[in-house]
Amino acid sequence: MSKRRVFDIDFPDDTPADAPAPSVEHRRGPMAAAIVENADALAERSAAEAAIRAENDRLAHEHVRLKKLGLITDLVPVHEIRVAKLTRDRRPDRDPELDELKASIRAIGLSNPIRVEHDGAGYELVQGFRRLMAYRELHEETGEERFAAIPAGLLPKGESLDSLYRRMVDENLVRRDITFAEMGMLVLNYMEDHPNETDDLHAVTERLYSSANRQKRSHIRTFVRLMQEIGGAVRHPEAIPRALGTELVRIFDEEPHAAGDLAADLNLLPENASAEDELALMRAAAQGRPAPRPQPKPRSQAVAKTTLKLARPEGTAKCTAADGRVELRLPRDFSAVDRARLEQAVEAFFEALDRDRDAGPRIRST
């Protein structure tokens, strides 16, 4: 048996001496591959969640910033909006132009949202009384859901009462139909609603109407004085021209009894007296002419005004009874009461007055 000889063959090495050693790639097992893929997925998910949180934080801060500026608008149910916190600088009578506003809203919608303060339990109206009344009437008349909620700018909770009054006042200052008498009445109503107010009428007027120019504030102060003297006897204060009101206040300053005499003449007017009837008496007083006095009314005129206060769960109800007028003030939104219930309550009020007319007073006010 022969032996096989083994020869070594040397192949030439062409690899450069400084070349890196070839790497040896280890084959990854299925478990290791799954772990790596899962780690990559978790890393991507964490990065995505971090980006979402950062975006949410940015949006939250932006929302807070816009809310502080009153630039957040939402649809607010009309029945959740109260109008009791601020004394309106408009007369409570129904605006004769409200039907025009309702027609415009039905045709093109509301172009200027109202403003409300969200206090947790609901919303308090700051600006937009006529717009809110228009929506409520439209919803009551049509039953359409589009009038059940009104576009409203949301003011942050905690804004001072003076600031809320300023917002309301400043909005109406740019309206041409707001009268000096109505602005003067707002100052008096503000003082009546704030018995602990330390400022006098002049200071309150300057604070509430600080956005008006100096001349306009002077006219407002004049009508504050005018309404303070004869406001309780005037049924149509919005009809008093500025020049007439200024002249009357001048006469009140010169003649101490002039204001009382004019108020007495106004109280003698019949209940259905027009604005022109009142203006005729005022012009006569301003010109120093005797007022045309109507025939005395059959009922007693001994008491020009009676005021009483009653404790209610909502607060103190103040009732003022004058010739031809009964005014009830209470921190409650009576406009939110169903119309049928409100009519029943008013009818019951008159029935009680007629039933007890001959029985004499049963409650003595203090």
Protein backbone atom coordinates (compact mmCIF):
# COMPACT_ATOMS: atom_id res chain seq x y z
CA MET A 1 0.00 0.00 0.00
CA SER A 2 1.39 3.29 -1.07
CA LYS A 3 1.45 6.47 0.99
CA ARG A 4 -0.16 9.74 -0.31
CA ARG A 5 2.07 12.69 0.07
CA VAL A 6 0.60 16.06 1.07
CA PHE A 7 2.18 19.21 -0.33
CA ASP A 8 1.59 22.74 1.08
CA ILE A 9 0.75 25.31 -1.57
CA ASP A 10 1.58 28.95 -0.79
CA PHE A 11 -0.65 31.46 -2.61
CA PRO A 12 0.63 34.99 -2.93
CA ASP A 13 -0.86 37.50 -0.43
CA ASP A 14 -1.96 40.67 -2.28
CA THR A 15 -3.61 42.32 0.79
CA PRO A 16 -1.92 45.55 1.90
CA ALA A 17 -0.17 45.36 5.20
CA ASP A 18 -2.14 48.25 6.71
CA ALA A 19 -5.59 46.95 5.68
CA PRO A 20 -8.06 46.33 8.57
CA ALA A 21 -8.76 42.82 9.53
CA PRO A 22 -11.92 41.43 8.01
CA SER A 23 -14.90 41.56 10.35
CA VAL A 24 -16.65 38.48 11.33
CA GLU A 25 -20.47 38.96 11.20
CA HIS A 26 -22.32 36.88 13.72
CA ARG A 27 -25.70 35.69 12.67
CA ARG A 28 -28.49 37.16 14.94
CA GLY A 29 -30.95 34.73 16.38
CA PRO A 30 -34.76 35.22 16.08
CA MET A 31 -35.17 36.17 19.78
CA ALA A 32 -32.45 38.82 19.60
CA ALA A 33 -33.96 40.25 16.41
CA ALA A 34 -37.39 40.50 18.05
CA ILE A 35 -35.92 42.28 21.09
CA VAL A 36 -34.14 44.82 18.91
CA GLU A 37 -37.23 45.46 16.80
CA ASN A 38 -39.37 45.92 19.93
CA ALA A 39 -36.86 48.36 21.43
CA ASP A 40 -36.87 50.38 18.23
CA ALA A 41 -40.69 50.47 18.22
CA LEU A 42 -40.78 51.58 21.87
CA ALA A 43 -38.27 54.33 21.16
CA GLU A 44 -40.34 55.59 18.22
CA ARG A 45 -43.53 55.45 20.31
CA SER A 46 -41.90 57.36 23.17
CA ALA A 47 -40.69 60.01 20.77
CA ALA A 48 -44.18 60.32 19.25
CA GLU A 49 -45.81 60.57 22.70
CA ALA A 50 -43.31 63.22 23.77
CA ALA A 51 -44.09 65.22 20.63
CA ILE A 52 -47.84 64.93 21.29
CA ARG A 53 -47.42 66.04 24.92
CA ALA A 54 -45.34 69.01 23.82
CA GLU A 55 -47.98 69.99 21.26
CA ASN A 56 -50.77 69.58 23.84
CA ASP A 57 -48.88 71.78 26.30
CA ARG A 58 -48.38 74.40 23.61
CA LEU A 59 -52.07 74.34 22.67
CA ALA A 60 -53.12 74.47 26.35
CA HIS A 61 -50.96 77.54 26.98
CA GLU A 62 -52.29 79.15 23.82
CA HIS A 63 -55.87 78.40 24.91
CA VAL A 64 -55.25 80.01 28.31
CA ARG A 65 -53.66 83.05 26.65
CA LEU A 66 -56.56 83.51 24.24
CA LYS A 67 -59.11 82.95 27.02
CA LYS A 68 -57.52 85.68 29.13
CA LEU A 69 -57.93 87.99 26.15
CA GLY A 70 -61.58 86.96 25.74
CA LEU A 71 -60.90 85.51 22.29
CA ILE A 72 -62.32 82.03 22.88
CA THR A 73 -65.80 81.72 21.38
CA ASP A 74 -68.27 78.88 21.89
CA LEU A 75 -71.97 78.16 21.47
CA VAL A 76 -73.61 78.74 24.88
CA PRO A 77 -77.23 77.67 25.60
CA VAL A 78 -79.36 80.78 25.98
CA HIS A 79 -81.14 79.40 29.05
CA GLU A 80 -77.80 79.09 30.90
CA ILE A 81 -76.99 82.80 30.59
CA ARG A 82 -77.99 85.04 33.49
CA VAL A 83 -78.33 88.83 33.34
CA ALA A 84 -78.51 89.64 37.06
CA LYS A 85 -74.89 90.49 37.95
CA LEU A 86 -74.61 93.78 36.06
CA THR A 87 -77.16 96.58 35.98
CA ARG A 88 -77.89 97.17 32.32
CA ASP A 89 -77.25 100.64 30.91
CA ARG A 90 -80.35 100.19 28.77
CA ARG A 91 -83.99 100.61 29.74
CA PRO A 92 -85.71 97.32 30.61
CA ASP A 93 -88.51 98.05 28.12
CA ARG A 94 -88.53 95.98 24.96
CA ASP A 95 -86.39 97.63 22.28
CA PRO A 96 -88.61 98.61 19.32
CA GLU A 97 -85.72 97.77 16.97
CA LEU A 98 -85.40 94.24 18.31
CA ASP A 99 -87.53 92.86 15.47
CA GLU A 100 -85.05 94.24 12.94
CA LEU A 101 -82.22 92.53 14.77
CA LYS A 102 -84.16 89.25 14.83
CA ALA A 103 -84.79 89.48 11.08
CA SER A 104 -81.08 90.04 10.47
CA ILE A 105 -80.11 87.06 12.66
CA ARG A 106 -82.58 84.80 10.85
CA ALA A 107 -81.23 85.88 7.48
CA ILE A 108 -77.44 85.94 7.98
CA GLY A 109 -76.80 84.81 11.55
CA LEU A 110 -75.04 86.67 14.35
CA SER A 111 -71.96 88.53 13.12
CA ASN A 112 -70.83 89.81 16.53
CA PRO A 113 -70.80 87.29 19.42
CA ILE A 114 -71.93 88.33 22.88
CA ARG A 115 -69.55 88.11 25.84
CA VAL A 116 -70.15 86.11 28.98
CA GLU A 117 -68.29 85.26 32.15
CA HIS A 118 -68.16 81.55 33.01
CA ASP A 119 -68.48 81.16 36.77
CA GLY A 120 -68.68 77.36 37.02
CA ALA A 121 -72.43 77.23 37.68
CA GLY A 122 -73.35 78.89 34.41
CA TYR A 123 -72.71 82.06 32.47
CA GLU A 124 -73.23 85.73 33.35
CA LEU A 125 -73.86 88.20 30.54
CA VAL A 126 -71.35 91.02 30.19
CA GLN A 127 -72.03 92.38 26.70
CA GLY A 128 -74.85 91.78 24.23
CA PHE A 129 -78.17 92.13 26.06
CA ARG A 130 -80.18 92.90 22.89
CA ARG A 131 -78.56 90.04 20.96
CA LEU A 132 -79.34 87.60 23.77
CA MET A 133 -82.96 88.79 23.95
CA ALA A 134 -83.27 88.38 20.18
CA TYR A 135 -82.02 84.79 20.35
CA ARG A 136 -84.36 83.95 23.21
CA GLU A 137 -87.37 85.34 21.40
CA LEU A 138 -86.41 83.55 18.18
CA HIS A 139 -86.03 80.24 20.00
CA GLU A 140 -89.34 80.72 21.79
CA GLU A 141 -91.15 81.70 18.59
CA THR A 142 -89.64 79.13 16.20
CA GLY A 143 -88.41 76.28 18.40
CA GLU A 144 -85.41 75.94 16.06
CA GLU A 145 -82.29 74.45 17.61
CA ARG A 146 -80.03 76.99 15.90
CA PHE A 147 -81.42 79.63 18.25
CA ALA A 148 -81.07 77.48 21.39
CA ALA A 149 -77.39 78.43 21.73
CA ILE A 150 -75.72 81.74 20.95
CA PRO A 151 -72.10 82.44 19.90
CA ALA A 152 -70.38 83.90 22.94
CA GLY A 153 -66.89 85.04 23.80
CA LEU A 154 -65.82 83.43 27.07
CA LEU A 155 -64.24 85.75 29.62
CA PRO A 156 -62.13 84.13 32.35
CA LYS A 157 -63.61 83.86 35.81
CA GLY A 158 -62.32 86.25 38.43
CA GLU A 159 -62.35 89.53 36.51
CA SER A 160 -63.24 92.41 38.83
CA LEU A 161 -66.76 93.78 38.89
CA ASP A 162 -65.49 97.22 37.88
CA SER A 163 -63.76 95.68 34.88
CA LEU A 164 -66.95 93.87 33.82
CA TYR A 165 -68.91 97.12 34.12
CA ARG A 166 -66.26 98.88 32.03
CA ARG A 167 -66.57 96.24 29.31
CA MET A 168 -70.33 96.72 29.18
CA VAL A 169 -70.08 100.50 29.26
CA ASP A 170 -67.32 100.74 26.66
CA GLU A 171 -69.26 98.61 24.20
CA ASN A 172 -72.27 100.92 24.42
CA LEU A 173 -70.19 104.09 24.28
CA VAL A 174 -69.56 103.46 20.60
CA ARG A 175 -73.28 103.04 19.91
CA ARG A 176 -74.97 106.20 18.71
CA ASP A 177 -78.35 105.39 20.20
CA ILE A 178 -77.23 105.23 23.82
CA THR A 179 -78.43 108.41 25.53
CA PHE A 180 -76.87 110.53 28.25
CA ALA A 181 -79.89 109.89 30.47
CA GLU A 182 -79.36 106.12 30.22
CA MET A 183 -75.68 106.52 31.01
CA GLY A 184 -76.56 108.71 33.98
CA MET A 185 -79.06 106.15 35.26
CA LEU A 186 -76.39 103.44 35.10
CA VAL A 187 -74.20 105.40 37.52
CA LEU A 188 -77.11 105.79 39.95
CA ASN A 189 -78.05 102.11 39.65
CA TYR A 190 -74.41 101.13 40.17
CA MET A 191 -74.27 103.16 43.38
CA GLU A 192 -77.56 101.64 44.55
CA ASP A 193 -76.26 98.12 43.91
CA HIS A 194 -72.98 98.90 45.73
CA PRO A 195 -73.98 100.36 49.11
CA ASN A 196 -70.41 100.00 50.38
CA GLU A 197 -68.96 102.04 47.52
CA THR A 198 -66.55 104.59 48.95
CA ASP A 199 -66.33 106.80 45.85
CA ASP A 200 -68.85 109.56 45.22
CA LEU A 201 -70.97 109.92 42.09
CA HIS A 202 -68.35 112.03 40.36
CA ALA A 203 -65.58 109.48 40.95
CA VAL A 204 -67.75 106.54 39.90
CA THR A 205 -68.71 108.36 36.70
CA GLU A 206 -65.08 109.07 35.91
CA ARG A 207 -64.14 105.43 36.55
CA LEU A 208 -66.94 103.80 34.58
CA TYR A 209 -66.69 106.16 31.62
CA SER A 210 -62.93 106.72 31.60
CA SER A 211 -62.83 105.70 27.92
CA ALA A 212 -65.02 108.68 26.95
CA ASN A 213 -63.47 112.03 26.22
CA ARG A 214 -63.55 114.83 28.78
CA GLN A 215 -66.48 116.69 27.24
CA LYS A 216 -68.61 113.56 27.04
CA ARG A 217 -67.86 112.69 30.67
CA SER A 218 -68.95 116.21 31.62
CA HIS A 219 -72.30 115.66 29.88
CA ILE A 220 -72.70 112.30 31.61
CA ARG A 221 -72.08 113.91 35.01
CA THR A 222 -74.76 116.50 34.19
CA PHE A 223 -77.30 113.79 33.46
CA VAL A 224 -76.30 111.86 36.58
CA ARG A 225 -77.35 114.95 38.53
CA LEU A 226 -80.52 115.35 36.43
CA MET A 227 -81.58 111.73 36.94
CA GLN A 228 -80.75 111.96 40.62
CA GLU A 229 -83.20 114.86 40.95
CA ILE A 230 -86.11 113.81 38.70
CA GLY A 231 -85.26 110.31 37.40
CA GLY A 232 -87.92 108.63 39.51
CA ALA A 233 -90.63 110.76 37.91
CA VAL A 234 -89.47 110.42 34.28
CA ARG A 235 -90.89 107.62 32.14
CA HIS A 236 -89.02 108.52 28.95
CA PRO A 237 -85.52 109.62 29.99
CA GLU A 238 -84.05 108.54 26.65
CA ALA A 239 -86.00 111.37 24.96
CA ILE A 240 -84.33 114.20 26.92
CA PRO A 241 -82.02 116.22 24.65
CA ARG A 242 -78.57 117.05 25.93
CA ALA A 243 -79.10 120.82 25.79
CA LEU A 244 -82.37 120.61 27.70
CA GLY A 245 -80.87 118.41 30.40
CA THR A 246 -77.93 120.80 30.80
CA GLU A 247 -80.24 123.81 31.13
CA LEU A 248 -82.41 122.08 33.73
CA VAL A 249 -79.40 121.22 35.90
CA ARG A 250 -78.26 124.85 35.70
CA ILE A 251 -81.68 125.95 36.94
CA PHE A 252 -81.62 123.32 39.72
CA ASP A 253 -78.35 124.82 40.94
CA GLU A 254 -79.80 128.35 40.96
CA GLU A 255 -83.25 127.55 42.33
CA PRO A 256 -83.28 124.98 45.16
CA HIS A 257 -86.97 124.09 44.73
CA ALA A 258 -86.99 123.82 40.94
CA ALA A 259 -86.16 120.11 40.84
CA GLY A 260 -88.89 119.20 43.33
CA ASP A 261 -91.45 121.31 41.49
CA LEU A 262 -90.64 119.69 38.15
CA ALA A 263 -90.75 116.20 39.66
CA ALA A 264 -94.18 116.98 41.13
CA ASP A 265 -95.44 118.19 37.73
CA LEU A 266 -94.13 115.04 36.05
CA ASN A 267 -95.83 112.84 38.65
CA LEU A 268 -99.16 114.51 37.84
CA LEU A 269 -99.03 113.36 34.22
CA PRO A 270 -101.39 110.50 33.32
CA GLU A 271 -100.01 107.00 33.08
CA ASN A 272 -100.16 107.01 29.29
CA ALA A 273 -98.29 110.29 28.97
CA SER A 274 -95.96 110.42 25.99
CA ALA A 275 -92.37 111.55 25.79
CA GLU A 276 -93.57 114.82 24.28
CA ASP A 277 -95.82 115.42 27.27
CA GLU A 278 -92.85 115.09 29.60
CA LEU A 279 -90.62 117.23 27.39
CA ALA A 280 -93.25 119.99 27.35
CA LEU A 281 -93.09 120.22 31.15
CA MET A 282 -89.30 120.19 31.13
CA ARG A 283 -89.08 122.91 28.47
CA ALA A 284 -91.54 125.04 30.44
CA ALA A 285 -89.39 124.64 33.55
CA ALA A 286 -86.23 125.47 31.60
CA GLN A 287 -87.84 128.64 30.19
CA GLY A 288 -89.35 129.71 33.50
CA ARG A 289 -92.90 129.34 32.25
CA PRO A 290 -95.67 127.84 34.40
CA ALA A 291 -96.30 124.21 33.60
CA PRO A 292 -99.68 123.21 32.18
CA ARG A 293 -101.02 121.30 35.14
CA PRO A 294 -103.45 118.47 34.38
CA GLN A 295 -106.52 117.76 36.48
CA PRO A 296 -105.65 116.00 39.75
CA LYS A 297 -106.01 112.27 39.65
CA PRO A 298 -108.75 110.73 41.79
CA ARG A 299 -106.34 108.64 43.81
CA SER A 300 -104.13 110.12 46.48
CA GLN A 301 -100.83 111.70 45.46
CA ALA A 302 -99.58 112.12 49.02
CA VAL A 303 -96.75 109.61 48.60
CA ALA A 304 -94.63 109.99 45.46
CA LYS A 305 -92.65 106.77 45.99
CA THR A 306 -92.79 103.79 48.32
CA THR A 307 -89.81 101.47 48.73
CA LEU A 308 -89.71 98.17 50.58
CA LYS A 309 -87.24 95.34 50.92
CA LEU A 310 -87.98 91.63 51.33
CA ALA A 311 -85.58 88.82 52.16
CA ARG A 312 -85.54 86.10 49.52
CA PRO A 313 -83.38 82.97 49.07
CA GLU A 314 -81.66 84.69 46.12
CA GLY A 315 -80.93 87.82 48.16
CA THR A 316 -82.74 91.01 49.09
CA ALA A 317 -85.65 91.95 46.83
CA LYS A 318 -86.15 95.69 46.50
CA CYS A 319 -89.58 96.91 45.36
CA THR A 320 -90.20 100.52 44.39
CA ALA A 321 -93.79 101.66 43.84
CA ALA A 322 -94.45 105.03 42.25
CA ASP A 323 -97.27 106.69 40.37
CA GLY A 324 -97.95 104.44 37.38
CA ARG A 325 -94.96 102.18 37.95
CA VAL A 326 -93.86 99.23 40.09
CA GLU A 327 -90.23 98.15 39.89
CA LEU A 328 -88.90 94.91 41.36
CA ARG A 329 -85.16 94.34 41.62
CA LEU A 330 -83.65 91.03 42.68
CA PRO A 331 -80.40 89.22 41.75
CA ARG A 332 -82.31 86.80 39.55
CA ASP A 333 -82.66 86.54 35.78
CA PHE A 334 -86.40 87.07 35.24
CA SER A 335 -85.93 86.94 31.47
CA ALA A 336 -85.17 83.22 31.82
CA VAL A 337 -88.56 82.54 33.42
CA ASP A 338 -91.09 80.92 31.13
CA ARG A 339 -93.42 83.57 29.71
CA ALA A 340 -96.57 81.74 30.77
CA ARG A 341 -95.34 81.46 34.37
CA LEU A 342 -94.36 85.11 34.37
CA GLU A 343 -97.80 86.15 33.12
CA GLN A 344 -99.48 84.04 35.81
CA ALA A 345 -97.31 85.64 38.50
CA VAL A 346 -98.13 89.16 37.28
CA GLU A 347 -101.85 88.37 37.11
CA ALA A 348 -101.72 86.96 40.65
CA PHE A 349 -99.98 90.15 41.76
CA PHE A 350 -102.75 92.38 40.40
CA GLU A 351 -105.47 90.08 41.70
CA ALA A 352 -103.95 90.26 45.17
CA LEU A 353 -103.81 94.05 44.98
CA ASP A 354 -107.45 94.32 43.89
CA ARG A 355 -108.64 91.74 46.44
CA ASP A 356 -106.91 93.46 49.35
CA ARG A 357 -107.52 97.04 48.26
CA ASP A 358 -110.34 97.59 50.73
CA ALA A 359 -108.86 95.49 53.49
CA GLY A 360 -106.07 97.94 54.31
CA PRO A 361 -102.34 97.21 54.46
CA ARG A 362 -101.34 93.86 55.94
CA ILE A 363 -97.56 94.24 55.79
CA ARG A 364 -95.72 97.26 57.10
CA SER A 365 -92.45 97.95 55.32
CA THR A 366 -89.45 99.36 57.08
